[in-house]
Amino acid sequence: MGCVYKIGGTAYAIVVRLKINEMISKDERKNNIKRAFDFLVEHAQERKPFSVEQLSAKTEWAITETQENILNRLSDLVYEEGEKYFAKPEILRVRLDDFKELLHQKKRLFTDYVLEVSSSILIYEFFMPLSREDRLREALDNLFYRDTIEQRIQEIGISRIRDGLKLPPEYLEDKIRQLVFDFMESTIGGYSMYMVNGRYRADVLASREEVITRPFAYGPYIVDETTAIVRFILPVETDAGKFEYGKILEPASMVIGTKKRAELKSWLFLNFFAEALIRVVQKEDEIWLLESGMRSAFYRWVRRDEYE
């Protein structure tokens, strides 16, 4: 039994020692990463070069490990010039936690993006009552499906679409239908909705005394209402290319034919989206649509009196 106890005690001691060594190793790795971070920040601030050997000595990484980290992990923060390395100024806005994650898991700290500049856009904003938000969302979402767009084409009619878009007679039905599908596919990718609280006058202009003495049956003179604003952004002309610093604020140029394209997209939007949306809103005094961007207009659908 004593022999077993000794063997068990020795095994336990070995496990404890291994755990301690593992904890020390983790702490050393954390300290090494912190030293690497401080090293790069210092060299970026002073704009001075460094060698693989210098970084290796500072972090206690092996030369091969240091080279691998520079090549595979630190390429967003370090660049080579001749036989020396320089820390990029981007390191000065990197947090230590992100730097640690970069060396532990990620292969890249920054994501490469391709900049698309829509130099010409149309923006549409519907101002609609929130009382039927469910019907509003249903009407919006229906126009994300091919079969419901097909139904809307049938409701409008091919001849009306041809006349509205001023298409030549050789545009047959299938070609017009595909034109509409292409518009929906390339232009209408989604919408955003936000709520605003507003107050409006619900009757003719009156004095405070007149409002106080007005009959109760007339309803409130000033009404508070929560309005849903549905926004669509339609790119008309888009140029894609690599991002270049210093050029983002340059004015975009107008492309020949852009105005005509804007007219076509405006007609398609107003007839396929606007007309479909106002059908789900009933018994409201007015529905508003604000158009901005290349074109500026304010549309009002005013409810017609039933007795007119």
Foldseek 3Di string as FASTA:
>chain_A
DVVVVVVVVVVVVVVVVVVVVVVVVVVLQLVLLVQLLVVQQVQQVVVDWDALVVNCVRSVNDSVVSVCCVVFQCVVQWDDDDRTIHGHNVSVPDDSVLSVCSVVPNRDSDDFDKDKDLLFKKKKKKWAACPPVVLLVVLVVLLLDLVSLVVLCVVCDPVNLCVQLVHDPVCDPVNSSVVLVVCCVQWPPDKDKDKDKDKDADDPDDDPVCQVPPDCVVPHRMDIGIIMMIMGMGRQDMDIGGDDPPCPPPRDDDDPCSVSSVSSSVSSCCSRPVVSNVVSDPDDQWMWMFMDTPDGDIDIDGDDDPVD
